[in-house]
């Protein structure tokens, strides 16, 4: 099996919180899966689940960074959630870890 075929469908997501004092993004949640689901939808679902579980407090900033096995990456912000609604596709929800699925239920 070639390294390229290992990367087919691989999606890695990370929910991050911005630390203004040190000016860095700190990982608050991480996951990986092999799927054909749109990476943007997976990022939205992961961020929505995290924020449903642990709401942002007093000016905290969160984002989800999604990387594909093909080397692409994208960032999903809370503004993206508001723009596209808070409904998560049940098929995408099934890909998430249990604690995020439970938060979105």
N, C-alpha and C. Protein backbone atom coordinates (compact mmCIF):
# COMPACT_ATOMS: atom_id res chain seq x y z
N UNK A 1 0.85 -1.18 0.00
CA UNK A 1 0.00 0.00 0.00
C UNK A 1 0.90 1.24 0.00
N UNK A 2 0.60 2.18 -0.85
CA UNK A 2 1.42 3.39 -0.95
C UNK A 2 1.01 4.40 0.12
N UNK A 3 1.92 5.34 0.46
CA UNK A 3 1.57 6.37 1.44
C UNK A 3 0.39 7.22 1.00
N UNK A 4 0.23 7.41 -0.32
CA UNK A 4 -0.89 8.22 -0.80
C UNK A 4 -2.22 7.55 -0.49
N UNK A 5 -2.28 6.21 -0.63
CA UNK A 5 -3.54 5.52 -0.36
C UNK A 5 -3.87 5.52 1.12
N UNK A 6 -2.86 5.58 1.99
CA UNK A 6 -3.12 5.70 3.42
C UNK A 6 -3.82 7.00 3.75
N UNK A 7 -3.55 8.05 2.96
CA UNK A 7 -4.08 9.38 3.24
C UNK A 7 -5.49 9.57 2.68
N UNK A 8 -5.96 8.66 1.81
CA UNK A 8 -7.28 8.82 1.20
C UNK A 8 -8.36 8.86 2.27
N UNK A 9 -9.09 9.96 2.30
CA UNK A 9 -10.20 10.09 3.23
C UNK A 9 -9.83 10.43 4.66
N UNK A 10 -8.54 10.54 4.97
CA UNK A 10 -8.14 10.86 6.34
C UNK A 10 -8.44 12.33 6.63
N UNK A 11 -9.10 12.57 7.75
CA UNK A 11 -9.41 13.93 8.19
C UNK A 11 -9.03 14.03 9.66
N UNK A 12 -8.25 15.06 10.00
CA UNK A 12 -7.84 15.32 11.38
C UNK A 12 -8.41 16.68 11.76
N UNK A 13 -9.10 16.74 12.89
CA UNK A 13 -9.64 18.02 13.34
C UNK A 13 -9.11 18.34 14.73
N UNK A 14 -9.05 19.64 15.00
CA UNK A 14 -8.56 20.12 16.28
C UNK A 14 -9.36 21.37 16.66
N UNK A 15 -9.96 21.37 17.85
CA UNK A 15 -10.62 22.57 18.37
C UNK A 15 -9.59 23.30 19.21
N UNK A 16 -9.43 24.60 18.93
CA UNK A 16 -8.41 25.40 19.59
C UNK A 16 -9.02 26.62 20.26
N UNK A 17 -8.40 27.04 21.36
CA UNK A 17 -8.78 28.29 22.07
C UNK A 17 -7.61 29.24 22.00
N UNK A 18 -7.89 30.50 21.70
CA UNK A 18 -6.83 31.50 21.62
C UNK A 18 -6.46 31.99 23.00
N UNK A 19 -5.17 31.99 23.30
CA UNK A 19 -4.64 32.50 24.56
C UNK A 19 -4.05 33.88 24.28
N UNK A 20 -4.77 34.95 24.65
CA UNK A 20 -4.33 36.30 24.29
C UNK A 20 -3.03 36.74 24.96
N UNK A 21 -2.74 36.24 26.14
CA UNK A 21 -1.53 36.67 26.84
C UNK A 21 -0.28 36.15 26.16
N UNK A 22 -0.32 34.91 25.71
CA UNK A 22 0.85 34.35 25.03
C UNK A 22 0.72 34.40 23.51
N UNK A 23 -0.47 34.79 23.03
CA UNK A 23 -0.74 34.91 21.60
C UNK A 23 -0.55 33.61 20.84
N UNK A 24 -1.06 32.52 21.42
CA UNK A 24 -1.00 31.21 20.77
C UNK A 24 -2.37 30.54 20.83
N UNK A 25 -2.59 29.58 19.94
CA UNK A 25 -3.79 28.77 19.93
C UNK A 25 -3.49 27.48 20.67
N UNK A 26 -4.30 27.13 21.67
CA UNK A 26 -4.10 25.96 22.50
C UNK A 26 -5.14 24.91 22.14
N UNK A 27 -4.70 23.68 21.92
CA UNK A 27 -5.61 22.58 21.57
C UNK A 27 -6.52 22.25 22.76
N UNK A 28 -7.82 22.20 22.50
CA UNK A 28 -8.80 21.84 23.53
C UNK A 28 -9.57 20.57 23.16
N UNK A 29 -9.36 20.06 21.96
CA UNK A 29 -10.02 18.84 21.52
C UNK A 29 -9.41 18.40 20.22
N UNK A 30 -9.32 17.08 20.01
CA UNK A 30 -8.63 16.55 18.85
C UNK A 30 -9.30 15.26 18.40
N UNK A 31 -9.32 15.03 17.11
CA UNK A 31 -9.86 13.78 16.60
C UNK A 31 -9.39 13.52 15.20
N UNK A 32 -9.52 12.28 14.79
CA UNK A 32 -9.17 11.89 13.43
C UNK A 32 -10.07 10.77 12.98
N UNK A 33 -10.33 10.73 11.69
CA UNK A 33 -11.20 9.71 11.13
C UNK A 33 -10.89 9.54 9.65
N UNK A 34 -11.34 8.46 9.10
CA UNK A 34 -11.29 8.25 7.66
C UNK A 34 -12.72 8.29 7.17
N UNK A 35 -13.02 9.26 6.31
CA UNK A 35 -14.40 9.47 5.88
C UNK A 35 -14.43 10.20 4.55
N UNK A 36 -15.59 10.18 3.91
CA UNK A 36 -15.78 10.97 2.70
C UNK A 36 -16.68 12.18 2.97
N UNK A 37 -16.96 12.45 4.24
CA UNK A 37 -17.75 13.61 4.64
C UNK A 37 -16.96 14.88 4.32
N UNK A 38 -17.67 15.93 3.95
CA UNK A 38 -17.05 17.22 3.66
C UNK A 38 -16.27 17.70 4.90
N UNK A 39 -14.97 17.98 4.77
CA UNK A 39 -14.18 18.44 5.93
C UNK A 39 -14.73 19.70 6.60
N UNK A 40 -15.35 20.58 5.80
CA UNK A 40 -15.93 21.80 6.38
C UNK A 40 -17.07 21.42 7.33
N UNK A 41 -17.91 20.48 6.91
CA UNK A 41 -19.02 20.04 7.77
C UNK A 41 -18.51 19.37 9.03
N UNK A 42 -17.45 18.59 8.90
CA UNK A 42 -16.87 17.93 10.07
C UNK A 42 -16.30 18.98 11.03
N UNK A 43 -15.64 20.00 10.51
CA UNK A 43 -15.11 21.08 11.35
C UNK A 43 -16.22 21.83 12.07
N UNK A 44 -17.30 22.12 11.35
CA UNK A 44 -18.45 22.81 11.97
C UNK A 44 -19.05 21.96 13.08
N UNK A 45 -19.20 20.67 12.82
CA UNK A 45 -19.80 19.78 13.82
C UNK A 45 -18.90 19.68 15.06
N UNK A 46 -17.60 19.53 14.85
CA UNK A 46 -16.67 19.42 15.99
C UNK A 46 -16.69 20.70 16.82
N UNK A 47 -16.67 21.85 16.16
CA UNK A 47 -16.68 23.12 16.90
C UNK A 47 -18.02 23.32 17.61
N UNK A 48 -19.12 23.02 16.93
CA UNK A 48 -20.45 23.17 17.55
C UNK A 48 -20.57 22.26 18.77
N UNK A 49 -20.10 21.02 18.65
CA UNK A 49 -20.16 20.10 19.77
C UNK A 49 -19.32 20.57 20.94
N UNK A 50 -18.12 21.08 20.65
CA UNK A 50 -17.26 21.56 21.73
C UNK A 50 -17.90 22.77 22.43
N UNK A 51 -18.43 23.70 21.64
CA UNK A 51 -19.04 24.89 22.24
C UNK A 51 -20.34 24.56 22.98
N UNK A 52 -21.05 23.52 22.55
CA UNK A 52 -22.25 23.09 23.28
C UNK A 52 -21.86 22.47 24.61
N UNK A 53 -20.73 21.82 24.63
CA UNK A 53 -20.25 21.13 25.84
C UNK A 53 -19.59 22.11 26.80
N UNK A 54 -18.77 23.02 26.28
CA UNK A 54 -18.02 23.98 27.09
C UNK A 54 -18.20 25.36 26.44
N UNK A 55 -19.25 26.09 26.79
CA UNK A 55 -19.48 27.40 26.16
C UNK A 55 -18.31 28.36 26.41
N UNK A 56 -18.08 29.22 25.42
CA UNK A 56 -17.03 30.23 25.56
C UNK A 56 -17.39 31.18 26.69
N UNK A 57 -16.38 31.53 27.48
CA UNK A 57 -16.58 32.46 28.59
C UNK A 57 -15.89 33.77 28.27
N UNK A 58 -16.45 34.86 28.73
CA UNK A 58 -15.86 36.19 28.70
C UNK A 58 -14.78 36.47 27.67
N UNK A 59 -15.14 36.52 26.43
CA UNK A 59 -14.21 36.93 25.40
C UNK A 59 -13.31 35.83 24.84
N UNK A 60 -13.52 34.57 25.26
CA UNK A 60 -12.71 33.48 24.71
C UNK A 60 -13.00 33.32 23.22
N UNK A 61 -11.98 32.98 22.49
CA UNK A 61 -12.10 32.76 21.06
C UNK A 61 -11.74 31.32 20.74
N UNK A 62 -12.62 30.63 20.02
CA UNK A 62 -12.38 29.25 19.62
C UNK A 62 -12.40 29.14 18.10
N UNK A 63 -11.79 28.08 17.60
CA UNK A 63 -11.84 27.76 16.18
C UNK A 63 -11.61 26.26 16.03
N UNK A 64 -11.97 25.73 14.87
CA UNK A 64 -11.66 24.34 14.53
C UNK A 64 -10.76 24.37 13.31
N UNK A 65 -9.67 23.64 13.38
CA UNK A 65 -8.76 23.50 12.25
C UNK A 65 -8.89 22.06 11.75
N UNK A 66 -9.15 21.91 10.47
CA UNK A 66 -9.33 20.60 9.87
C UNK A 66 -8.26 20.40 8.81
N UNK A 67 -7.58 19.25 8.88
CA UNK A 67 -6.54 18.91 7.91
C UNK A 67 -6.93 17.61 7.22
N UNK A 68 -6.74 17.57 5.91
CA UNK A 68 -7.05 16.35 5.16
C UNK A 68 -5.77 15.60 4.86
N UNK A 69 -5.91 14.32 4.57
CA UNK A 69 -4.76 13.49 4.24
C UNK A 69 -4.06 13.95 2.98
N UNK A 70 -4.76 14.70 2.15
CA UNK A 70 -4.17 15.21 0.91
C UNK A 70 -3.32 16.45 1.15
N UNK A 71 -3.26 16.91 2.39
CA UNK A 71 -2.43 18.06 2.72
C UNK A 71 -3.16 19.39 2.81
N UNK A 72 -4.44 19.40 2.55
CA UNK A 72 -5.20 20.64 2.67
C UNK A 72 -5.60 20.92 4.11
N UNK A 73 -5.89 22.17 4.40
CA UNK A 73 -6.38 22.53 5.73
C UNK A 73 -7.37 23.67 5.60
N UNK A 74 -8.23 23.77 6.59
CA UNK A 74 -9.21 24.85 6.63
C UNK A 74 -9.51 25.18 8.08
N UNK A 75 -10.04 26.37 8.29
CA UNK A 75 -10.37 26.82 9.64
C UNK A 75 -11.84 27.20 9.69
N UNK A 76 -12.51 26.76 10.74
CA UNK A 76 -13.92 27.07 10.96
C UNK A 76 -14.01 27.90 12.23
N UNK A 77 -14.69 29.04 12.15
CA UNK A 77 -14.85 29.92 13.30
C UNK A 77 -16.30 29.89 13.79
N UNK A 78 -16.55 30.41 14.99
CA UNK A 78 -17.94 30.50 15.46
C UNK A 78 -18.82 31.32 14.51
N UNK A 79 -18.25 32.29 13.81
CA UNK A 79 -19.03 33.06 12.83
C UNK A 79 -19.55 32.16 11.72
N UNK A 80 -18.75 31.16 11.32
CA UNK A 80 -19.19 30.20 10.31
C UNK A 80 -20.38 29.40 10.82
N UNK A 81 -20.39 29.08 12.10
CA UNK A 81 -21.53 28.35 12.68
C UNK A 81 -22.79 29.19 12.61
N UNK A 82 -22.68 30.46 12.96
CA UNK A 82 -23.85 31.34 12.92
C UNK A 82 -24.34 31.54 11.48
N UNK A 83 -23.42 31.63 10.54
CA UNK A 83 -23.80 31.87 9.15
C UNK A 83 -24.48 30.65 8.52
N UNK A 84 -24.14 29.45 8.97
CA UNK A 84 -24.68 28.23 8.36
C UNK A 84 -25.69 27.51 9.25
N UNK A 85 -26.05 28.11 10.35
CA UNK A 85 -27.01 27.49 11.25
C UNK A 85 -26.33 26.48 12.17
N UNK A 86 -27.03 26.09 13.20
CA UNK A 86 -26.44 25.22 14.20
C UNK A 86 -26.83 23.76 14.04
N UNK A 87 -27.56 23.44 12.98
CA UNK A 87 -27.99 22.06 12.77
C UNK A 87 -26.83 21.23 12.23
N UNK A 88 -26.59 20.09 12.86
CA UNK A 88 -25.52 19.19 12.43
C UNK A 88 -26.14 17.99 11.75
N UNK A 89 -25.65 17.66 10.57
CA UNK A 89 -26.11 16.50 9.81
C UNK A 89 -25.90 15.25 10.67
N UNK A 90 -26.91 14.42 10.84
CA UNK A 90 -26.76 13.20 11.66
C UNK A 90 -25.64 12.28 11.19
N UNK A 91 -25.39 12.21 9.88
CA UNK A 91 -24.30 11.38 9.37
C UNK A 91 -22.94 11.92 9.83
N UNK A 92 -22.80 13.24 9.86
CA UNK A 92 -21.56 13.86 10.32
C UNK A 92 -21.43 13.66 11.83
N UNK A 93 -22.53 13.79 12.53
CA UNK A 93 -22.53 13.63 13.99
C UNK A 93 -22.03 12.25 14.39
N UNK A 94 -22.35 11.23 13.62
CA UNK A 94 -21.93 9.86 13.95
C UNK A 94 -20.42 9.68 13.88
N UNK A 95 -19.73 10.55 13.17
CA UNK A 95 -18.28 10.46 13.04
C UNK A 95 -17.58 11.01 14.28
N UNK A 96 -18.26 11.91 14.99
CA UNK A 96 -17.67 12.56 16.15
C UNK A 96 -17.53 11.61 17.32
N UNK A 97 -16.59 11.90 18.23
CA UNK A 97 -16.50 11.11 19.47
C UNK A 97 -17.79 11.24 20.28
N UNK A 98 -18.05 10.27 21.14
CA UNK A 98 -19.27 10.22 21.92
C UNK A 98 -19.55 11.48 22.73
N UNK A 99 -18.52 12.07 23.34
CA UNK A 99 -18.77 13.24 24.18
C UNK A 99 -19.27 14.43 23.36
N UNK A 100 -18.86 14.54 22.09
CA UNK A 100 -19.36 15.61 21.23
C UNK A 100 -20.75 15.27 20.69
N UNK A 101 -20.97 14.01 20.35
CA UNK A 101 -22.32 13.58 19.91
C UNK A 101 -23.32 13.86 21.02
N UNK A 102 -22.97 13.51 22.25
CA UNK A 102 -23.87 13.74 23.39
C UNK A 102 -24.16 15.22 23.58
N UNK A 103 -23.17 16.06 23.39
CA UNK A 103 -23.34 17.50 23.57
C UNK A 103 -24.28 18.07 22.50
N UNK A 104 -24.28 17.47 21.33
CA UNK A 104 -25.14 17.96 20.24
C UNK A 104 -26.54 17.37 20.27
N UNK A 105 -26.75 16.34 21.09
CA UNK A 105 -28.07 15.67 21.13
C UNK A 105 -29.12 16.53 21.77
